[in-house]
Amino acid sequence: MFRGAPSLLSGERAPTVFFDVDASLWARFAVTPATVKRLPGGCGYGIDCWREGELRSVALDESDDHEDLLR
């Protein structure tokens, strides 16, 4: 999705994108969660998650087995 829509994701009216990263699912494609998180960053997005009742910024190299992310 991120590779297929750079003009939409980089535009003035870029949408909020909700996605999840699951290390075990991406591993079979030889892709790490950090790689997936970097893709929207190329379009000017930051990465956040909902933790403990608030939005928190997520570092690209930070990894849980499964994360629900948005930006």
PDB file of N, CA and C in Angstrom:
ATOM      1  N   MET A   1       0.828  -1.184   0.000  1.00  0.00           N
ATOM      2  CA  MET A   1       0.000   0.000   0.000  1.00  0.00           C
ATOM      3  C   MET A   1       0.876   1.254   0.000  1.00  0.00           C
ATOM      4  N   PHE A   2       1.885   1.301   0.864  1.00  0.00           N
ATOM      5  CA  PHE A   2       2.708   2.506   0.948  1.00  0.00           C
ATOM      6  C   PHE A   2       3.499   2.735  -0.339  1.00  0.00           C
ATOM      7  N   ARG A   3       3.971   1.681  -0.957  1.00  0.00           N
ATOM      8  CA  ARG A   3       4.739   1.814  -2.199  1.00  0.00           C
ATOM      9  C   ARG A   3       3.858   2.180  -3.376  1.00  0.00           C
ATOM     10  N   GLY A   4       2.572   1.841  -3.321  1.00  0.00           N
ATOM     11  CA  GLY A   4       1.682   2.048  -4.455  1.00  0.00           C
ATOM     12  C   GLY A   4       0.976   3.380  -4.506  1.00  0.00           C
ATOM     13  N   ALA A   5       1.107   4.190  -3.490  1.00  0.00           N
ATOM     14  CA  ALA A   5       0.341   5.440  -3.457  1.00  0.00           C
ATOM     15  C   ALA A   5       1.154   6.620  -2.943  1.00  0.00           C
ATOM     16  N   PRO A   6       2.382   6.811  -3.415  1.00  0.00           N
ATOM     17  CA  PRO A   6       3.186   7.904  -2.850  1.00  0.00           C
ATOM     18  C   PRO A   6       2.592   9.289  -3.077  1.00  0.00           C
ATOM     19  N   SER A   7       1.947   9.532  -4.201  1.00  0.00           N
ATOM     20  CA  SER A   7       1.390  10.873  -4.424  1.00  0.00           C
ATOM     21  C   SER A   7       0.226  11.145  -3.473  1.00  0.00           C
ATOM     22  N   LEU A   8      -0.598  10.145  -3.210  1.00  0.00           N
ATOM     23  CA  LEU A   8      -1.704  10.303  -2.260  1.00  0.00           C
ATOM     24  C   LEU A   8      -1.163  10.520  -0.850  1.00  0.00           C
ATOM     25  N   LEU A   9      -0.181   9.735  -0.473  1.00  0.00           N
ATOM     26  CA  LEU A   9       0.354   9.805   0.885  1.00  0.00           C
ATOM     27  C   LEU A   9       1.244  11.013   1.127  1.00  0.00           C
ATOM     28  N   SER A  10       1.747  11.628   0.065  1.00  0.00           N
ATOM     29  CA  SER A  10       2.627  12.787   0.210  1.00  0.00           C
ATOM     30  C   SER A  10       1.900  14.114  -0.003  1.00  0.00           C
ATOM     31  N   GLY A  11       0.635  14.057  -0.393  1.00  0.00           N
ATOM     32  CA  GLY A  11      -0.104  15.272  -0.713  1.00  0.00           C
ATOM     33  C   GLY A  11      -0.520  16.074   0.499  1.00  0.00           C
ATOM     34  N   GLU A  12      -1.035  17.268   0.214  1.00  0.00           N
ATOM     35  CA  GLU A  12      -1.505  18.164   1.284  1.00  0.00           C
ATOM     36  C   GLU A  12      -2.601  17.533   2.123  1.00  0.00           C
ATOM     37  N   ARG A  13      -3.428  16.731   1.493  1.00  0.00           N
ATOM     38  CA  ARG A  13      -4.565  16.114   2.188  1.00  0.00           C
ATOM     39  C   ARG A  13      -4.302  14.643   2.462  1.00  0.00           C
ATOM     40  N   ALA A  14      -3.079  14.319   2.803  1.00  0.00           N
ATOM     41  CA  ALA A  14      -2.704  12.935   3.084  1.00  0.00           C
ATOM     42  C   ALA A  14      -3.576  12.375   4.204  1.00  0.00           C
ATOM     43  N   PRO A  15      -4.086  11.169   4.024  1.00  0.00           N
ATOM     44  CA  PRO A  15      -4.984  10.595   5.027  1.00  0.00           C
ATOM     45  C   PRO A  15      -4.238  10.038   6.239  1.00  0.00           C
ATOM     46  N   THR A  16      -4.963   9.897   7.321  1.00  0.00           N
ATOM     47  CA  THR A  16      -4.457   9.124   8.443  1.00  0.00           C
ATOM     48  C   THR A  16      -4.507   7.664   8.014  1.00  0.00           C
ATOM     49  N   VAL A  17      -3.472   6.938   8.299  1.00  0.00           N
ATOM     50  CA  VAL A  17      -3.398   5.534   7.893  1.00  0.00           C
ATOM     51  C   VAL A  17      -3.254   4.684   9.140  1.00  0.00           C
ATOM     52  N   PHE A  18      -4.114   3.707   9.273  1.00  0.00           N
ATOM     53  CA  PHE A  18      -4.049   2.760  10.384  1.00  0.00           C
ATOM     54  C   PHE A  18      -3.554   1.440   9.817  1.00  0.00           C
ATOM     55  N   PHE A  19      -2.512   0.891  10.402  1.00  0.00           N
ATOM     56  CA  PHE A  19      -1.995  -0.396   9.942  1.00  0.00           C
ATOM     57  C   PHE A  19      -1.392  -1.140  11.112  1.00  0.00           C
ATOM     58  N   ASP A  20      -1.246  -2.442  10.965  1.00  0.00           N
ATOM     59  CA  ASP A  20      -0.592  -3.178  12.023  1.00  0.00           C
ATOM     60  C   ASP A  20       0.628  -3.891  11.475  1.00  0.00           C
ATOM     61  N   VAL A  21       1.553  -4.102  12.367  1.00  0.00           N
ATOM     62  CA  VAL A  21       2.802  -4.764  12.036  1.00  0.00           C
ATOM     63  C   VAL A  21       2.921  -5.974  12.945  1.00  0.00           C
ATOM     64  N   ASP A  22       3.033  -7.128  12.337  1.00  0.00           N
ATOM     65  CA  ASP A  22       3.178  -8.370  13.091  1.00  0.00           C
ATOM     66  C   ASP A  22       4.462  -9.048  12.614  1.00  0.00           C
ATOM     67  N   ALA A  23       5.436  -9.124  13.486  1.00  0.00           N
ATOM     68  CA  ALA A  23       6.753  -9.651  13.116  1.00  0.00           C
ATOM     69  C   ALA A  23       6.669 -11.052  12.519  1.00  0.00           C
ATOM     70  N   SER A  24       5.825 -11.904  13.070  1.00  0.00           N
ATOM     71  CA  SER A  24       5.756 -13.278  12.568  1.00  0.00           C
ATOM     72  C   SER A  24       5.181 -13.342  11.154  1.00  0.00           C
ATOM     73  N   LEU A  25       4.273 -12.438  10.812  1.00  0.00           N
ATOM     74  CA  LEU A  25       3.706 -12.438   9.461  1.00  0.00           C
ATOM     75  C   LEU A  25       4.686 -11.885   8.435  1.00  0.00           C
ATOM     76  N   TRP A  26       5.421 -10.845   8.786  1.00  0.00           N
ATOM     77  CA  TRP A  26       6.371 -10.254   7.854  1.00  0.00           C
ATOM     78  C   TRP A  26       7.621 -11.096   7.696  1.00  0.00           C
ATOM     79  N   ALA A  27       7.966 -11.897   8.690  1.00  0.00           N
ATOM     80  CA  ALA A  27       9.189 -12.700   8.643  1.00  0.00           C
ATOM     81  C   ALA A  27       9.206 -13.639   7.442  1.00  0.00           C
ATOM     82  N   ARG A  28       8.068 -14.168   7.065  1.00  0.00           N
ATOM     83  CA  ARG A  28       8.059 -15.100   5.926  1.00  0.00           C
ATOM     84  C   ARG A  28       8.368 -14.410   4.601  1.00  0.00           C
ATOM     85  N   PHE A  29       8.335 -13.083   4.570  1.00  0.00           N
ATOM     86  CA  PHE A  29       8.719 -12.318   3.383  1.00  0.00           C
ATOM     87  C   PHE A  29      10.118 -11.715   3.547  1.00  0.00           C
ATOM     88  N   ALA A  30      10.816 -12.114   4.596  1.00  0.00           N
ATOM     89  CA  ALA A  30      12.152 -11.594   4.921  1.00  0.00           C
ATOM     90  C   ALA A  30      12.130 -10.077   5.095  1.00  0.00           C
ATOM     91  N   VAL A  31      11.071  -9.586   5.736  1.00  0.00           N
ATOM     92  CA  VAL A  31      10.901  -8.153   6.000  1.00  0.00           C
ATOM     93  C   VAL A  31      10.755  -7.971   7.508  1.00  0.00           C
ATOM     94  N   THR A  32      11.421  -6.964   8.044  1.00  0.00           N
ATOM     95  CA  THR A  32      11.329  -6.696   9.471  1.00  0.00           C
ATOM     96  C   THR A  32      10.275  -5.622   9.746  1.00  0.00           C
ATOM     97  N   PRO A  33       9.747  -5.569  10.963  1.00  0.00           N
ATOM     98  CA  PRO A  33       8.816  -4.494  11.306  1.00  0.00           C
ATOM     99  C   PRO A  33       9.406  -3.102  11.069  1.00  0.00           C
ATOM    100  N   ALA A  34      10.694  -2.926  11.319  1.00  0.00           N
ATOM    101  CA  ALA A  34      11.330  -1.621  11.100  1.00  0.00           C
ATOM    102  C   ALA A  34      11.261  -1.221   9.626  1.00  0.00           C
ATOM    103  N   THR A  35      11.414  -2.181   8.728  1.00  0.00           N
ATOM    104  CA  THR A  35      11.319  -1.900   7.291  1.00  0.00           C
ATOM    105  C   THR A  35       9.931  -1.402   6.938  1.00  0.00           C
ATOM    106  N   VAL A  36       8.916  -2.051   7.475  1.00  0.00           N
ATOM    107  CA  VAL A  36       7.531  -1.646   7.208  1.00  0.00           C
ATOM    108  C   VAL A  36       7.284  -0.244   7.754  1.00  0.00           C
ATOM    109  N   LYS A  37       7.800   0.057   8.927  1.00  0.00           N
ATOM    110  CA  LYS A  37       7.606   1.371   9.540  1.00  0.00           C
ATOM    111  C   LYS A  37       8.300   2.485   8.758  1.00  0.00           C
ATOM    112  N   ARG A  38       9.386   2.178   8.079  1.00  0.00           N
ATOM    113  CA  ARG A  38      10.121   3.200   7.315  1.00  0.00           C
ATOM    114  C   ARG A  38       9.378   3.640   6.062  1.00  0.00           C
ATOM    115  N   LEU A  39       8.558   2.790   5.486  1.00  0.00           N
ATOM    116  CA  LEU A  39       7.879   3.117   4.229  1.00  0.00           C
ATOM    117  C   LEU A  39       7.029   4.385   4.322  1.00  0.00           C
ATOM    118  N   PRO A  40       6.142   4.534   5.300  1.00  0.00           N
ATOM    119  CA  PRO A  40       5.370   5.779   5.353  1.00  0.00           C
ATOM    120  C   PRO A  40       6.232   6.990   5.715  1.00  0.00           C
ATOM    121  N   GLY A  41       7.363   6.769   6.371  1.00  0.00           N
ATOM    122  CA  GLY A  41       8.264   7.868   6.698  1.00  0.00           C
ATOM    123  C   GLY A  41       8.794   8.553   5.448  1.00  0.00           C
ATOM    124  N   GLY A  42       8.926   7.798   4.366  1.00  0.00           N
ATOM    125  CA  GLY A  42       9.373   8.362   3.106  1.00  0.00           C
ATOM    126  C   GLY A  42       8.364   9.317   2.497  1.00  0.00           C
ATOM    127  N   CYS A  43       7.132   9.277   2.979  1.00  0.00           N
ATOM    128  CA  CYS A  43       6.064  10.174   2.508  1.00  0.00           C
ATOM    129  C   CYS A  43       5.794  11.286   3.510  1.00  0.00           C
ATOM    130  N   GLY A  44       6.642  11.413   4.523  1.00  0.00           N
ATOM    131  CA  GLY A  44       6.482  12.479   5.509  1.00  0.00           C
ATOM    132  C   GLY A  44       5.671  12.101   6.729  1.00  0.00           C
ATOM    133  N   TYR A  45       5.335  10.846   6.877  1.00  0.00           N
ATOM    134  CA  TYR A  45       4.549  10.399   8.023  1.00  0.00           C
ATOM    135  C   TYR A  45       5.438  10.109   9.220  1.00  0.00           C
ATOM    136  N   GLY A  46       4.909  10.321  10.409  1.00  0.00           N
ATOM    137  CA  GLY A  46       5.491   9.828  11.643  1.00  0.00           C
ATOM    138  C   GLY A  46       4.699   8.578  12.011  1.00  0.00           C
ATOM    139  N   ILE A  47       5.140   7.837  12.980  1.00  0.00           N
ATOM    140  CA  ILE A  47       4.452   6.618  13.391  1.00  0.00           C
ATOM    141  C   ILE A  47       4.062   6.762  14.860  1.00  0.00           C
ATOM    142  N   ASP A  48       2.801   6.529  15.146  1.00  0.00           N
ATOM    143  CA  ASP A  48       2.277   6.578  16.510  1.00  0.00           C
ATOM    144  C   ASP A  48       1.521   5.299  16.819  1.00  0.00           C
ATOM    145  N   CYS A  49       1.331   5.044  18.096  1.00  0.00           N
ATOM    146  CA  CYS A  49       0.481   3.932  18.529  1.00  0.00           C
ATOM    147  C   CYS A  49      -0.317   4.409  19.739  1.00  0.00           C
ATOM    148  N   TRP A  50      -1.361   3.663  20.046  1.00  0.00           N
ATOM    149  CA  TRP A  50      -2.201   3.975  21.198  1.00  0.00           C
ATOM    150  C   TRP A  50      -1.746   3.095  22.343  1.00  0.00           C
ATOM    151  N   ARG A  51      -1.168   3.720  23.369  1.00  0.00           N
ATOM    152  CA  ARG A  51      -0.688   2.977  24.539  1.00  0.00           C
ATOM    153  C   ARG A  51      -1.086   3.711  25.797  1.00  0.00           C
ATOM    154  N   GLU A  52      -1.604   2.950  26.724  1.00  0.00           N
ATOM    155  CA  GLU A  52      -1.954   3.490  28.040  1.00  0.00           C
ATOM    156  C   GLU A  52      -2.820   4.735  27.954  1.00  0.00           C
ATOM    157  N   GLY A  53      -3.791   4.731  27.039  1.00  0.00           N
ATOM    158  CA  GLY A  53      -4.758   5.807  26.955  1.00  0.00           C
ATOM    159  C   GLY A  53      -4.323   7.048  26.213  1.00  0.00           C
ATOM    160  N   GLU A  54      -3.203   6.980  25.467  1.00  0.00           N
ATOM    161  CA  GLU A  54      -2.762   8.146  24.711  1.00  0.00           C
ATOM    162  C   GLU A  54      -1.948   7.735  23.485  1.00  0.00           C
ATOM    163  N   LEU A  55      -1.873   8.660  22.530  1.00  0.00           N
ATOM    164  CA  LEU A  55      -1.032   8.430  21.359  1.00  0.00           C
ATOM    165  C   LEU A  55       0.419   8.640  21.748  1.00  0.00           C
ATOM    166  N   ARG A  56       1.259   7.709  21.356  1.00  0.00           N
ATOM    167  CA  ARG A  56       2.683   7.824  21.647  1.00  0.00           C
ATOM    168  C   ARG A  56       3.476   7.587  20.378  1.00  0.00           C
ATOM    169  N   SER A  57       4.511   8.359  20.212  1.00  0.00           N
ATOM    170  CA  SER A  57       5.407   8.201  19.073  1.00  0.00           C
ATOM    171  C   SER A  57       6.148   6.872  19.194  1.00  0.00           C
ATOM    172  N   VAL A  58       6.347   6.207  18.062  1.00  0.00           N
ATOM    173  CA  VAL A  58       7.029   4.920  18.031  1.00  0.00           C
ATOM    174  C   VAL A  58       8.340   5.076  17.256  1.00  0.00           C
ATOM    175  N   ALA A  59       9.425   4.648  17.839  1.00  0.00           N
ATOM    176  CA  ALA A  59      10.718   4.662  17.145  1.00  0.00           C
ATOM    177  C   ALA A  59      10.720   3.571  16.079  1.00  0.00           C
ATOM    178  N   LEU A  60      11.368   3.832  14.960  1.00  0.00           N
ATOM    179  CA  LEU A  60      11.395   2.857  13.875  1.00  0.00           C
ATOM    180  C   LEU A  60      12.024   1.544  14.292  1.00  0.00           C
ATOM    181  N   ASP A  61      13.013   1.603  15.167  1.00  0.00           N
ATOM    182  CA  ASP A  61      13.676   0.372  15.578  1.00  0.00           C
ATOM    183  C   ASP A  61      13.020  -0.294  16.787  1.00  0.00           C
ATOM    184  N   GLU A  62      12.003   0.356  17.357  1.00  0.00           N
ATOM    185  CA  GLU A  62      11.259  -0.227  18.468  1.00  0.00           C
ATOM    186  C   GLU A  62      10.397  -1.355  17.925  1.00  0.00           C
ATOM    187  N   SER A  63      10.385  -2.488  18.612  1.00  0.00           N
ATOM    188  CA  SER A  63       9.644  -3.609  18.058  1.00  0.00           C
ATOM    189  C   SER A  63       8.941  -4.412  19.137  1.00  0.00           C
ATOM    190  N   ASP A  64       7.663  -4.592  18.936  1.00  0.00           N
ATOM    191  CA  ASP A  64       6.871  -5.543  19.693  1.00  0.00           C
ATOM    192  C   ASP A  64       6.516  -6.643  18.704  1.00  0.00           C
ATOM    193  N   ASP A  65       6.046  -7.762  19.188  1.00  0.00           N
ATOM    194  CA  ASP A  65       5.646  -8.819  18.267  1.00  0.00           C
ATOM    195  C   ASP A  65       4.511  -8.371  17.366  1.00  0.00           C
ATOM    196  N   HIS A  66       3.605  -7.570  17.922  1.00  0.00           N
ATOM    197  CA  HIS A  66       2.470  -7.080  17.152  1.00  0.00           C
ATOM    198  C   HIS A  66       2.167  -5.649  17.598  1.00  0.00           C
ATOM    199  N   GLU A  67       1.986  -4.755  16.639  1.00  0.00           N
ATOM    200  CA  GLU A  67       1.658  -3.367  16.967  1.00  0.00           C
ATOM    201  C   GLU A  67       0.570  -2.864  16.040  1.00  0.00           C
ATOM    202  N   ASP A  68      -0.376  -2.132  16.567  1.00  0.00           N
ATOM    203  CA  ASP A  68      -1.363  -1.396  15.762  1.00  0.00           C
ATOM    204  C   ASP A  68      -0.861   0.027  15.697  1.00  0.00           C
ATOM    205  N   LEU A  69      -0.595   0.491  14.501  1.00  0.00           N
ATOM    206  CA  LEU A  69       0.053   1.789  14.314  1.00  0.00           C
ATOM    207  C   LEU A  69      -0.802   2.727  13.472  1.00  0.00           C
ATOM    208  N   LEU A  70      -0.567   4.011  13.604  1.00  0.00           N
ATOM    209  CA  LEU A  70      -1.257   4.962  12.751  1.00  0.00           C
ATOM    210  C   LEU A  70      -0.401   6.170  12.523  1.00  0.00           C
ATOM    211  N   ARG A  71      -0.754   6.863  11.473  1.00  0.00           N
ATOM    212  CA  ARG A  71      -0.213   8.180  11.181  1.00  0.00           C
ATOM    213  C   ARG A  71      -0.774   8.711   9.918  1.00  0.00           C
TER     214      ARG A  71
END
